[in-house]
Amino acid sequence: MNKQLIYPVFFSLSLILALHLLMVNSLAPHLVGKQIFSWLIGLGLFFVAQQINLKQLVKYKLHILIIISILLLIPILQKSETRGSRRWIHMAHVQIQPSEIVRPWLTLIVSQTQQYTYLILPLLIIFIQPDLGGVISTLSILIPFVLYDSKLKKIAIIGTVLLLIFSPLVWHFGLHSYQKDRITFFLHPQKDPQGKGYNLIQSKIAIGSGGFFGKGYKKGSQGQLLFLPEKHTDFIFAAMSEELGLIAVLILFFAYYILLSSLIKKYYSKSISNQNVFSLSLAFQIWFQIFVNIGMNLGLLPVTGTPLPFMSVGGSSVMSLFFALGLVFST
């Protein structure tokens, strides 16, 4: 069953890679080599992860948790801010986002132990960075457990109710000013069309102007003329929609469907095991990131900096996802 499911996974990744390289070459051609290198490293990590015995590895869960916490603390201790947050480890010309790297390991610990408290310390550190998108993406690990664990479901419901009740306090004391702005101008981008509402407005213009076949490769006005900010990272979906149109979007959705359905089939293959639970949790994480990223590109969700899996430029996310996929098909 493992080998049968690996083939559709790699077919889906091949489709995404083709779209990814097309768009990177169009929007940021100087990064093509870097992205190919990231994918090759990721592929290597996939085959390394395949050799890992999850049952043996989870015995070192406390050691793993300590290493995870140290990695997440390094950006805070470096005190090097990028757009108001300290979420990157800077080493020479290389930047690493530890919140992406540690997510497969946290998923491994939670899926193997069913102990959700292991997430508390990492989530707190990610929140302090601050990286609200990283917090939400990491919480998506728990989605399958909320569905099947009645106790956790009750906790999630109570937590949601309390969040709603105390939302005014969270707004005034829990969010940074730039996070408040993202929510405010998500709801009313026209209040500051040349400033804080600019990203969402330009993204929607790019998507709406693409039509079925797009404006043509390297002919998108929003992306090529630099009207669309972060065109090769957060808003690569909008740039692709403008240049390649709805047909490219449908190909991307088809590739994601194959990838996610393969992970879900892995969950239901043979007897349910902790490794299968890991597969389902990873499927929900990838789906959640797709949902959030495309939602913010369409102006339906606030901008959170959540990457589009395997599409947004960034080595940390690609390598982390490849490693996680390797764990799904590990021995």
C-alpha atoms as a PDB file:
ATOM      1  CA  MET A   1       0.000   0.000   0.000  1.00  0.00           C
ATOM      2  CA  ASN A   2       2.859   2.415   0.814  1.00  0.00           C
ATOM      3  CA  LYS A   3       4.451   2.043  -2.632  1.00  0.00           C
ATOM      4  CA  GLN A   4       1.080   2.343  -4.375  1.00  0.00           C
ATOM      5  CA  LEU A   5       0.439   5.668  -2.650  1.00  0.00           C
ATOM      6  CA  ILE A   6       3.942   7.071  -3.177  1.00  0.00           C
ATOM      7  CA  TYR A   7       3.436   7.197  -6.957  1.00  0.00           C
ATOM      8  CA  PRO A   8       0.410   9.556  -6.901  1.00  0.00           C
ATOM      9  CA  VAL A   9       2.152  11.686  -4.249  1.00  0.00           C
ATOM     10  CA  PHE A  10       5.162  12.208  -6.506  1.00  0.00           C
ATOM     11  CA  PHE A  11       2.910  12.772  -9.528  1.00  0.00           C
ATOM     12  CA  SER A  12       1.120  15.558  -7.655  1.00  0.00           C
ATOM     13  CA  LEU A  13       4.410  17.064  -6.515  1.00  0.00           C
ATOM     14  CA  SER A  14       5.688  16.995 -10.106  1.00  0.00           C
ATOM     15  CA  LEU A  15       2.677  19.057 -11.242  1.00  0.00           C
ATOM     16  CA  ILE A  16       3.168  21.539  -8.405  1.00  0.00           C
ATOM     17  CA  LEU A  17       6.914  21.763  -9.113  1.00  0.00           C
ATOM     18  CA  ALA A  18       6.237  22.578 -12.768  1.00  0.00           C
ATOM     19  CA  LEU A  19       3.875  25.427 -11.802  1.00  0.00           C
ATOM     20  CA  HIS A  20       6.220  26.565  -9.043  1.00  0.00           C
ATOM     21  CA  LEU A  21       9.279  26.833 -11.286  1.00  0.00           C
ATOM     22  CA  LEU A  22       7.263  28.535 -14.018  1.00  0.00           C
ATOM     23  CA  MET A  23       6.123  31.227 -11.623  1.00  0.00           C
ATOM     24  CA  VAL A  24       9.459  31.661  -9.847  1.00  0.00           C
ATOM     25  CA  ASN A  25      11.167  32.049 -13.233  1.00  0.00           C
ATOM     26  CA  SER A  26       8.568  34.655 -14.156  1.00  0.00           C
ATOM     27  CA  LEU A  27       8.510  36.604 -10.891  1.00  0.00           C
ATOM     28  CA  ALA A  28      11.959  36.117  -9.346  1.00  0.00           C
ATOM     29  CA  PRO A  29      14.254  34.347 -11.839  1.00  0.00           C
ATOM     30  CA  HIS A  30      17.301  34.853  -9.620  1.00  0.00           C
ATOM     31  CA  LEU A  31      15.722  32.453  -7.094  1.00  0.00           C
ATOM     32  CA  VAL A  32      15.155  29.520  -9.483  1.00  0.00           C
ATOM     33  CA  GLY A  33      18.465  27.864  -8.620  1.00  0.00           C
ATOM     34  CA  LYS A  34      17.833  28.289  -4.896  1.00  0.00           C
ATOM     35  CA  GLN A  35      14.393  26.710  -5.180  1.00  0.00           C
ATOM     36  CA  ILE A  36      15.660  23.748  -7.215  1.00  0.00           C
ATOM     37  CA  PHE A  37      18.334  23.232  -4.548  1.00  0.00           C
ATOM     38  CA  SER A  38      15.667  23.367  -1.792  1.00  0.00           C
ATOM     39  CA  TRP A  39      13.570  20.759  -3.602  1.00  0.00           C
ATOM     40  CA  LEU A  40      16.599  18.480  -4.050  1.00  0.00           C
ATOM     41  CA  ILE A  41      17.468  18.789  -0.351  1.00  0.00           C
ATOM     42  CA  GLY A  42      13.814  18.121   0.454  1.00  0.00           C
ATOM     43  CA  LEU A  43      13.809  15.021  -1.725  1.00  0.00           C
ATOM     44  CA  GLY A  44      16.896  13.786   0.106  1.00  0.00           C
ATOM     45  CA  LEU A  45      15.161  14.406   3.447  1.00  0.00           C
ATOM     46  CA  PHE A  46      12.161  12.417   2.174  1.00  0.00           C
ATOM     47  CA  PHE A  47      14.307   9.330   1.635  1.00  0.00           C
ATOM     48  CA  VAL A  48      16.119   9.845   4.957  1.00  0.00           C
ATOM     49  CA  ALA A  49      12.807  10.115   6.808  1.00  0.00           C
ATOM     50  CA  GLN A  50      11.615   6.907   5.138  1.00  0.00           C
ATOM     51  CA  GLN A  51      14.265   4.993   7.092  1.00  0.00           C
ATOM     52  CA  ILE A  52      13.132   6.303  10.482  1.00  0.00           C
ATOM     53  CA  ASN A  53      11.327   4.010  12.892  1.00  0.00           C
ATOM     54  CA  LEU A  54       8.680   6.229  14.467  1.00  0.00           C
ATOM     55  CA  LYS A  55       8.124   3.969  17.475  1.00  0.00           C
ATOM     56  CA  GLN A  56      11.811   4.052  18.328  1.00  0.00           C
ATOM     57  CA  LEU A  57      12.202   7.776  17.686  1.00  0.00           C
ATOM     58  CA  VAL A  58       9.314   8.801  19.924  1.00  0.00           C
ATOM     59  CA  LYS A  59      11.181   7.353  22.919  1.00  0.00           C
ATOM     60  CA  TYR A  60      13.321  10.487  22.735  1.00  0.00           C
ATOM     61  CA  LYS A  61      10.325  12.821  22.771  1.00  0.00           C
ATOM     62  CA  LEU A  62      11.598  14.960  25.653  1.00  0.00           C
ATOM     63  CA  HIS A  63      14.972  15.420  23.980  1.00  0.00           C
ATOM     64  CA  ILE A  64      13.200  16.369  20.757  1.00  0.00           C
ATOM     65  CA  LEU A  65      10.988  18.852  22.618  1.00  0.00           C
ATOM     66  CA  ILE A  66      14.035  20.526  24.191  1.00  0.00           C
ATOM     67  CA  ILE A  67      15.759  20.856  20.806  1.00  0.00           C
ATOM     68  CA  ILE A  68      12.535  22.226  19.279  1.00  0.00           C
ATOM     69  CA  SER A  69      12.231  24.847  22.031  1.00  0.00           C
ATOM     70  CA  ILE A  70      15.864  25.938  21.626  1.00  0.00           C
ATOM     71  CA  LEU A  71      15.453  26.293  17.842  1.00  0.00           C
ATOM     72  CA  LEU A  72      12.351  28.414  18.304  1.00  0.00           C
ATOM     73  CA  LEU A  73      14.093  30.628  20.866  1.00  0.00           C
ATOM     74  CA  ILE A  74      17.109  31.398  18.663  1.00  0.00           C
ATOM     75  CA  PRO A  75      15.312  34.039  16.477  1.00  0.00           C
ATOM     76  CA  ILE A  76      14.113  35.805  19.635  1.00  0.00           C
ATOM     77  CA  LEU A  77      17.619  35.820  21.123  1.00  0.00           C
ATOM     78  CA  GLN A  78      19.153  37.039  17.848  1.00  0.00           C
ATOM     79  CA  LYS A  79      16.893  40.110  18.064  1.00  0.00           C
ATOM     80  CA  SER A  80      16.896  40.489  14.288  1.00  0.00           C
ATOM     81  CA  GLU A  81      13.437  41.651  13.248  1.00  0.00           C
ATOM     82  CA  THR A  82      11.808  41.111   9.874  1.00  0.00           C
ATOM     83  CA  ARG A  83       8.510  42.981   9.386  1.00  0.00           C
ATOM     84  CA  GLY A  84       8.018  43.377  13.116  1.00  0.00           C
ATOM     85  CA  SER A  85       8.671  39.764  14.121  1.00  0.00           C
ATOM     86  CA  ARG A  86      11.643  37.575  15.028  1.00  0.00           C
ATOM     87  CA  ARG A  87      10.811  34.265  13.378  1.00  0.00           C
ATOM     88  CA  TRP A  88      13.969  33.676  11.284  1.00  0.00           C
ATOM     89  CA  ILE A  89      17.383  32.278  12.160  1.00  0.00           C
ATOM     90  CA  HIS A  90      19.984  34.298  10.254  1.00  0.00           C
ATOM     91  CA  MET A  91      23.176  32.483   9.248  1.00  0.00           C
ATOM     92  CA  ALA A  92      25.329  34.353   6.727  1.00  0.00           C
ATOM     93  CA  HIS A  93      23.134  34.577   3.584  1.00  0.00           C
ATOM     94  CA  VAL A  94      20.775  31.818   4.736  1.00  0.00           C
ATOM     95  CA  GLN A  95      17.510  32.325   6.592  1.00  0.00           C
ATOM     96  CA  ILE A  96      15.756  29.448   8.347  1.00  0.00           C
ATOM     97  CA  GLN A  97      12.240  29.577   9.761  1.00  0.00           C
ATOM     98  CA  PRO A  98      12.283  27.149  12.715  1.00  0.00           C
ATOM     99  CA  SER A  99       8.494  27.133  13.155  1.00  0.00           C
ATOM    100  CA  GLU A 100       8.283  25.353   9.784  1.00  0.00           C
ATOM    101  CA  ILE A 101      11.122  22.935  10.541  1.00  0.00           C
ATOM    102  CA  VAL A 102       9.821  21.806  13.943  1.00  0.00           C
ATOM    103  CA  ARG A 103       6.227  21.160  12.845  1.00  0.00           C
ATOM    104  CA  PRO A 104       6.783  17.566  11.575  1.00  0.00           C
ATOM    105  CA  TRP A 105       8.521  16.721  14.843  1.00  0.00           C
ATOM    106  CA  LEU A 106       5.659  18.136  16.910  1.00  0.00           C
ATOM    107  CA  THR A 107       3.188  16.220  14.748  1.00  0.00           C
ATOM    108  CA  LEU A 108       5.238  13.074  15.335  1.00  0.00           C
ATOM    109  CA  ILE A 109       5.231  13.491  19.119  1.00  0.00           C
ATOM    110  CA  VAL A 110       1.519  14.273  19.343  1.00  0.00           C
ATOM    111  CA  SER A 111       0.433  11.516  16.936  1.00  0.00           C
ATOM    112  CA  GLN A 112       2.546   8.882  18.685  1.00  0.00           C
ATOM    113  CA  THR A 113       1.750   9.843  22.289  1.00  0.00           C
ATOM    114  CA  GLN A 114      -1.717  11.441  22.018  1.00  0.00           C
ATOM    115  CA  GLN A 115      -0.406  13.946  24.585  1.00  0.00           C
ATOM    116  CA  TYR A 116      -1.395  17.434  23.470  1.00  0.00           C
ATOM    117  CA  THR A 117       0.431  19.261  26.268  1.00  0.00           C
ATOM    118  CA  TYR A 118       3.677  18.847  24.317  1.00  0.00           C
ATOM    119  CA  LEU A 119       2.454  21.668  22.070  1.00  0.00           C
ATOM    120  CA  ILE A 120       2.066  24.283  24.819  1.00  0.00           C
ATOM    121  CA  LEU A 121       5.687  25.454  25.155  1.00  0.00           C
ATOM    122  CA  PRO A 122       6.450  25.570  21.394  1.00  0.00           C
ATOM    123  CA  LEU A 123       3.183  27.420  20.730  1.00  0.00           C
ATOM    124  CA  LEU A 124       3.988  29.949  23.445  1.00  0.00           C
ATOM    125  CA  ILE A 125       7.445  30.637  21.981  1.00  0.00           C
ATOM    126  CA  ILE A 126       6.036  30.998  18.433  1.00  0.00           C
ATOM    127  CA  PHE A 127       3.409  33.411  19.785  1.00  0.00           C
ATOM    128  CA  ILE A 128       6.117  35.499  21.479  1.00  0.00           C
ATOM    129  CA  GLN A 129       8.154  35.804  18.233  1.00  0.00           C
ATOM    130  CA  PRO A 130       5.362  36.915  17.302  1.00  0.00           C
ATOM    131  CA  ASP A 131       4.119  34.648  14.516  1.00  0.00           C
ATOM    132  CA  LEU A 132       0.340  34.325  14.679  1.00  0.00           C
ATOM    133  CA  GLY A 133       0.262  32.477  11.347  1.00  0.00           C
ATOM    134  CA  GLY A 134       2.783  29.986  12.714  1.00  0.00           C
ATOM    135  CA  VAL A 135       0.671  29.483  15.838  1.00  0.00           C
ATOM    136  CA  ILE A 136      -2.451  28.782  13.778  1.00  0.00           C
ATOM    137  CA  SER A 137      -0.603  26.446  11.392  1.00  0.00           C
ATOM    138  CA  THR A 138       0.872  24.520  14.338  1.00  0.00           C
ATOM    139  CA  LEU A 139      -2.526  24.258  15.996  1.00  0.00           C
ATOM    140  CA  SER A 140      -3.811  22.615  12.806  1.00  0.00           C
ATOM    141  CA  ILE A 141      -1.886  19.523  13.979  1.00  0.00           C
ATOM    142  CA  LEU A 142      -4.777  18.951  16.376  1.00  0.00           C
ATOM    143  CA  ILE A 143      -7.612  19.036  13.815  1.00  0.00           C
ATOM    144  CA  PRO A 144      -7.949  15.226  13.395  1.00  0.00           C
ATOM    145  CA  PHE A 145      -7.706  14.732  17.144  1.00  0.00           C
ATOM    146  CA  VAL A 146     -10.498  17.255  17.732  1.00  0.00           C
ATOM    147  CA  LEU A 147     -12.675  15.250  15.348  1.00  0.00           C
ATOM    148  CA  TYR A 148     -12.132  11.908  17.081  1.00  0.00           C
ATOM    149  CA  ASP A 149     -11.252  12.733  20.695  1.00  0.00           C
ATOM    150  CA  SER A 150     -14.376  13.748  22.630  1.00  0.00           C
ATOM    151  CA  LYS A 151     -12.364  15.306  25.482  1.00  0.00           C
ATOM    152  CA  LEU A 152     -10.289  17.434  23.148  1.00  0.00           C
ATOM    153  CA  LYS A 153     -13.432  18.389  21.254  1.00  0.00           C
ATOM    154  CA  LYS A 154     -14.958  19.720  24.479  1.00  0.00           C
ATOM    155  CA  ILE A 155     -11.755  21.638  25.258  1.00  0.00           C
ATOM    156  CA  ALA A 156     -11.777  23.135  21.745  1.00  0.00           C
ATOM    157  CA  ILE A 157     -15.406  24.213  22.090  1.00  0.00           C
ATOM    158  CA  ILE A 158     -14.836  25.729  25.548  1.00  0.00           C
ATOM    159  CA  GLY A 159     -11.662  27.456  24.313  1.00  0.00           C
ATOM    160  CA  THR A 160     -13.507  28.926  21.333  1.00  0.00           C
ATOM    161  CA  VAL A 161     -16.325  30.217  23.538  1.00  0.00           C
ATOM    162  CA  LEU A 162     -13.844  31.772  25.992  1.00  0.00           C
ATOM    163  CA  LEU A 163     -11.934  33.371  23.111  1.00  0.00           C
ATOM    164  CA  LEU A 164     -15.157  34.941  21.851  1.00  0.00           C
ATOM    165  CA  ILE A 165     -16.109  36.150  25.327  1.00  0.00           C
ATOM    166  CA  PHE A 166     -12.705  37.664  26.027  1.00  0.00           C
ATOM    167  CA  SER A 167     -12.040  38.815  22.457  1.00  0.00           C
ATOM    168  CA  PRO A 168     -12.018  42.531  23.488  1.00  0.00           C
ATOM    169  CA  LEU A 169      -9.216  41.784  25.970  1.00  0.00           C
ATOM    170  CA  VAL A 170      -7.359  39.713  23.378  1.00  0.00           C
ATOM    171  CA  TRP A 171      -7.698  42.578  20.907  1.00  0.00           C
ATOM    172  CA  HIS A 172      -6.346  45.226  23.297  1.00  0.00           C
ATOM    173  CA  PHE A 173      -3.668  43.241  25.122  1.00  0.00           C
ATOM    174  CA  GLY A 174      -2.919  40.104  23.082  1.00  0.00           C
ATOM    175  CA  LEU A 175      -2.322  41.453  19.570  1.00  0.00           C
ATOM    176  CA  HIS A 176       0.433  43.679  18.229  1.00  0.00           C
ATOM    177  CA  SER A 177      -0.521  46.809  16.309  1.00  0.00           C
ATOM    178  CA  TYR A 178       0.408  45.317  12.915  1.00  0.00           C
ATOM    179  CA  GLN A 179      -1.761  42.264  13.674  1.00  0.00           C
ATOM    180  CA  LYS A 180      -4.694  44.539  14.481  1.00  0.00           C
ATOM    181  CA  ASP A 181      -4.087  46.400  11.229  1.00  0.00           C
ATOM    182  CA  ARG A 182      -4.222  43.155   9.243  1.00  0.00           C
ATOM    183  CA  ILE A 183      -7.672  42.399  10.655  1.00  0.00           C
ATOM    184  CA  THR A 184      -8.961  45.975  10.350  1.00  0.00           C
ATOM    185  CA  PHE A 185      -7.847  46.454   6.767  1.00  0.00           C
ATOM    186  CA  PHE A 186      -8.906  42.951   5.799  1.00  0.00           C
ATOM    187  CA  LEU A 187     -12.441  44.035   6.652  1.00  0.00           C
ATOM    188  CA  HIS A 188     -12.066  47.527   5.146  1.00  0.00           C
ATOM    189  CA  PRO A 189      -9.110  47.592   2.692  1.00  0.00           C
ATOM    190  CA  GLN A 190     -10.479  50.692   0.950  1.00  0.00           C
ATOM    191  CA  LYS A 191      -9.822  52.748   4.094  1.00  0.00           C
ATOM    192  CA  ASP A 192      -6.140  52.835   3.136  1.00  0.00           C
ATOM    193  CA  PRO A 193      -5.895  51.669  -0.498  1.00  0.00           C
ATOM    194  CA  GLN A 194      -2.333  52.959  -0.934  1.00  0.00           C
ATOM    195  CA  GLY A 195      -1.098  51.651   2.399  1.00  0.00           C
ATOM    196  CA  LYS A 196      -2.308  48.897   4.675  1.00  0.00           C
ATOM    197  CA  GLY A 197      -5.125  47.761   2.408  1.00  0.00           C
ATOM    198  CA  TYR A 198      -2.891  47.750  -0.665  1.00  0.00           C
ATOM    199  CA  ASN A 199      -1.884  44.051  -0.627  1.00  0.00           C
ATOM    200  CA  LEU A 200      -5.434  42.706  -0.564  1.00  0.00           C
ATOM    201  CA  ILE A 201      -6.677  45.114  -3.216  1.00  0.00           C
ATOM    202  CA  GLN A 202      -3.849  44.311  -5.636  1.00  0.00           C
ATOM    203  CA  SER A 203      -4.224  40.576  -5.013  1.00  0.00           C
ATOM    204  CA  LYS A 204      -7.918  40.615  -5.892  1.00  0.00           C
ATOM    205  CA  ILE A 205      -7.225  42.707  -8.992  1.00  0.00           C
ATOM    206  CA  ALA A 206      -4.596  40.196 -10.129  1.00  0.00           C
ATOM    207  CA  ILE A 207      -6.868  37.169  -9.630  1.00  0.00           C
ATOM    208  CA  GLY A 208      -9.897  38.813 -11.208  1.00  0.00           C
ATOM    209  CA  SER A 209      -8.014  39.994 -14.285  1.00  0.00           C
ATOM    210  CA  GLY A 210      -6.552  36.591 -15.178  1.00  0.00           C
ATOM    211  CA  GLY A 211      -9.651  35.074 -16.725  1.00  0.00           C
ATOM    212  CA  PHE A 212      -9.570  31.459 -17.953  1.00  0.00           C
ATOM    213  CA  PHE A 213      -6.210  31.432 -19.770  1.00  0.00           C
ATOM    214  CA  GLY A 214      -4.537  34.377 -18.031  1.00  0.00           C
ATOM    215  CA  LYS A 215      -2.826  37.430 -19.465  1.00  0.00           C
ATOM    216  CA  GLY A 216       0.111  35.373 -20.631  1.00  0.00           C
ATOM    217  CA  TYR A 217       3.365  34.128 -19.176  1.00  0.00           C
ATOM    218  CA  LYS A 218       5.424  37.036 -17.793  1.00  0.00           C
ATOM    219  CA  LYS A 219       2.707  39.442 -18.958  1.00  0.00           C
ATOM    220  CA  GLY A 220       0.839  40.013 -15.695  1.00  0.00           C
ATOM    221  CA  SER A 221       0.650  43.715 -14.939  1.00  0.00           C
ATOM    222  CA  GLN A 222       0.252  43.348 -11.171  1.00  0.00           C
ATOM    223  CA  GLY A 223       3.139  40.905 -10.732  1.00  0.00           C
ATOM    224  CA  GLN A 224       5.560  42.082 -13.411  1.00  0.00           C
ATOM    225  CA  LEU A 225       5.124  45.799 -12.725  1.00  0.00           C
ATOM    226  CA  LEU A 226       5.537  45.258  -8.966  1.00  0.00           C
ATOM    227  CA  PHE A 227       2.024  46.347  -8.001  1.00  0.00           C
ATOM    228  CA  LEU A 228       1.570  43.029  -6.187  1.00  0.00           C
ATOM    229  CA  PRO A 229       3.727  42.819  -3.030  1.00  0.00           C
ATOM    230  CA  GLU A 230       5.331  39.514  -1.995  1.00  0.00           C
ATOM    231  CA  LYS A 231       4.387  38.183  -5.421  1.00  0.00           C
ATOM    232  CA  HIS A 232       6.629  35.101  -5.205  1.00  0.00           C
ATOM    233  CA  THR A 233       5.852  34.220  -1.569  1.00  0.00           C
ATOM    234  CA  ASP A 234       2.553  35.069   0.142  1.00  0.00           C
ATOM    235  CA  PHE A 235       0.783  36.113  -3.068  1.00  0.00           C
ATOM    236  CA  ILE A 236       2.163  33.666  -5.613  1.00  0.00           C
ATOM    237  CA  PHE A 237      -1.357  32.262  -6.087  1.00  0.00           C
ATOM    238  CA  ALA A 238      -2.613  35.694  -7.195  1.00  0.00           C
ATOM    239  CA  ALA A 239       0.363  36.153  -9.536  1.00  0.00           C
ATOM    240  CA  MET A 240      -0.194  32.706 -11.073  1.00  0.00           C
ATOM    241  CA  SER A 241      -3.909  33.367 -11.508  1.00  0.00           C
ATOM    242  CA  GLU A 242      -3.136  36.609 -13.349  1.00  0.00           C
ATOM    243  CA  GLU A 243      -0.522  35.171 -15.717  1.00  0.00           C
ATOM    244  CA  LEU A 244      -1.769  31.605 -16.296  1.00  0.00           C
ATOM    245  CA  GLY A 245      -5.467  31.965 -15.490  1.00  0.00           C
ATOM    246  CA  LEU A 246      -8.106  29.616 -14.152  1.00  0.00           C
ATOM    247  CA  ILE A 247      -6.698  26.657 -16.056  1.00  0.00           C
ATOM    248  CA  ALA A 248      -3.477  26.780 -13.978  1.00  0.00           C
ATOM    249  CA  VAL A 249      -5.528  27.151 -10.796  1.00  0.00           C
ATOM    250  CA  LEU A 250      -7.491  24.010 -11.682  1.00  0.00           C
ATOM    251  CA  ILE A 251      -4.273  22.090 -12.357  1.00  0.00           C
ATOM    252  CA  LEU A 252      -2.925  23.201  -8.970  1.00  0.00           C
ATOM    253  CA  PHE A 253      -6.148  22.192  -7.212  1.00  0.00           C
ATOM    254  CA  PHE A 254      -6.039  18.816  -8.987  1.00  0.00           C
ATOM    255  CA  ALA A 255      -2.459  18.272  -7.770  1.00  0.00           C
ATOM    256  CA  TYR A 256      -3.404  19.196  -4.203  1.00  0.00           C
ATOM    257  CA  TYR A 257      -6.421  16.863  -4.396  1.00  0.00           C
ATOM    258  CA  ILE A 258      -4.200  13.921  -5.387  1.00  0.00           C
ATOM    259  CA  LEU A 259      -1.700  14.728  -2.617  1.00  0.00           C
ATOM    260  CA  LEU A 260      -4.317  15.098   0.119  1.00  0.00           C
ATOM    261  CA  SER A 261      -6.385  12.096  -0.985  1.00  0.00           C
ATOM    262  CA  SER A 262      -3.225   9.938  -0.948  1.00  0.00           C
ATOM    263  CA  LEU A 263      -2.470  10.993   2.639  1.00  0.00           C
ATOM    264  CA  ILE A 264      -6.063  10.296   3.682  1.00  0.00           C
ATOM    265  CA  LYS A 265      -5.971   6.881   1.959  1.00  0.00           C
ATOM    266  CA  LYS A 266      -2.811   6.147   3.941  1.00  0.00           C
ATOM    267  CA  TYR A 267      -4.791   6.825   7.117  1.00  0.00           C
ATOM    268  CA  TYR A 268      -7.470   4.309   6.145  1.00  0.00           C
ATOM    269  CA  SER A 269      -5.040   1.685   4.794  1.00  0.00           C
ATOM    270  CA  LYS A 270      -5.034  -1.630   6.702  1.00  0.00           C
ATOM    271  CA  SER A 271      -5.243  -1.220  10.484  1.00  0.00           C
ATOM    272  CA  ILE A 272      -5.251   2.257  11.982  1.00  0.00           C
ATOM    273  CA  SER A 273      -1.898   3.009  13.627  1.00  0.00           C
ATOM    274  CA  ASN A 274      -0.142   6.057  15.067  1.00  0.00           C
ATOM    275  CA  GLN A 275       1.714   6.387  11.773  1.00  0.00           C
ATOM    276  CA  ASN A 276      -1.633   6.606   9.991  1.00  0.00           C
ATOM    277  CA  VAL A 277      -2.724   9.309  12.439  1.00  0.00           C
ATOM    278  CA  PHE A 278       0.442  11.222  11.530  1.00  0.00           C
ATOM    279  CA  SER A 279      -0.602  10.979   7.862  1.00  0.00           C
ATOM    280  CA  LEU A 280      -4.076  12.346   8.577  1.00  0.00           C
ATOM    281  CA  SER A 281      -2.682  15.180  10.691  1.00  0.00           C
ATOM    282  CA  LEU A 282      -0.270  16.141   7.906  1.00  0.00           C
ATOM    283  CA  ALA A 283      -3.144  16.109   5.393  1.00  0.00           C
ATOM    284  CA  PHE A 284      -5.094  18.544   7.559  1.00  0.00           C
ATOM    285  CA  GLN A 285      -2.030  20.776   7.990  1.00  0.00           C
ATOM    286  CA  ILE A 286      -1.443  21.009   4.238  1.00  0.00           C
ATOM    287  CA  TRP A 287      -5.165  21.570   3.589  1.00  0.00           C
ATOM    288  CA  PHE A 288      -5.283  24.266   6.267  1.00  0.00           C
ATOM    289  CA  GLN A 289      -2.316  26.148   4.814  1.00  0.00           C
ATOM    290  CA  ILE A 290      -3.860  25.961   1.334  1.00  0.00           C
ATOM    291  CA  PHE A 291      -7.167  27.241   2.707  1.00  0.00           C
ATOM    292  CA  VAL A 292      -5.590  30.142   4.630  1.00  0.00           C
ATOM    293  CA  ASN A 293      -3.183  31.229   1.878  1.00  0.00           C
ATOM    294  CA  ILE A 294      -5.722  31.182  -0.942  1.00  0.00           C
ATOM    295  CA  GLY A 295      -8.306  32.737   1.375  1.00  0.00           C
ATOM    296  CA  MET A 296      -6.046  35.706   2.054  1.00  0.00           C
ATOM    297  CA  ASN A 297      -5.201  35.993  -1.675  1.00  0.00           C
ATOM    298  CA  LEU A 298      -8.932  36.229  -2.404  1.00  0.00           C
ATOM    299  CA  GLY A 299      -9.461  38.754   0.380  1.00  0.00           C
ATOM    300  CA  LEU A 300     -11.616  36.324   2.356  1.00  0.00           C
ATOM    301  CA  LEU A 301      -9.136  36.008   5.257  1.00  0.00           C
ATOM    302  CA  PRO A 302      -6.624  38.388   6.885  1.00  0.00           C
ATOM    303  CA  VAL A 303      -3.022  38.281   5.677  1.00  0.00           C
ATOM    304  CA  THR A 304      -1.095  35.956   8.008  1.00  0.00           C
ATOM    305  CA  GLY A 305       2.095  35.116   6.137  1.00  0.00           C
ATOM    306  CA  THR A 306       1.063  31.478   5.746  1.00  0.00           C
ATOM    307  CA  PRO A 307       2.882  29.985   2.709  1.00  0.00           C
ATOM    308  CA  LEU A 308       1.108  28.088  -0.053  1.00  0.00           C
ATOM    309  CA  PRO A 309       2.498  24.530   0.330  1.00  0.00           C
ATOM    310  CA  PHE A 310       5.213  23.695  -2.220  1.00  0.00           C
ATOM    311  CA  MET A 311       4.331  26.838  -4.235  1.00  0.00           C
ATOM    312  CA  SER A 312       5.516  29.814  -2.174  1.00  0.00           C
ATOM    313  CA  VAL A 313       9.237  30.538  -2.396  1.00  0.00           C
ATOM    314  CA  GLY A 314      10.993  29.399   0.765  1.00  0.00           C
ATOM    315  CA  GLY A 315      13.288  26.508   1.573  1.00  0.00           C
ATOM    316  CA  SER A 316      12.194  25.874   5.167  1.00  0.00           C
ATOM    317  CA  SER A 317       8.597  25.036   4.235  1.00  0.00           C
ATOM    318  CA  VAL A 318       9.499  22.788   1.267  1.00  0.00           C
ATOM    319  CA  MET A 319      12.130  20.808   3.156  1.00  0.00           C
ATOM    320  CA  SER A 320       9.877  20.442   6.201  1.00  0.00           C
ATOM    321  CA  LEU A 321       6.982  19.122   4.096  1.00  0.00           C
ATOM    322  CA  PHE A 322       9.207  16.646   2.237  1.00  0.00           C
ATOM    323  CA  PHE A 323      10.560  15.356   5.548  1.00  0.00           C
ATOM    324  CA  ALA A 324       7.010  14.977   6.888  1.00  0.00           C
ATOM    325  CA  LEU A 325       5.951  13.059   3.765  1.00  0.00           C
ATOM    326  CA  GLY A 326       8.926  10.755   4.252  1.00  0.00           C
ATOM    327  CA  LEU A 327       7.773  10.016   7.808  1.00  0.00           C
ATOM    328  CA  VAL A 328       4.333   9.093   6.451  1.00  0.00           C
ATOM    329  CA  PHE A 329       5.928   6.361   4.326  1.00  0.00           C
ATOM    330  CA  SER A 330       8.629   5.386   6.828  1.00  0.00           C
ATOM    331  CA  THR A 331       9.429   1.856   7.917  1.00  0.00           C
END
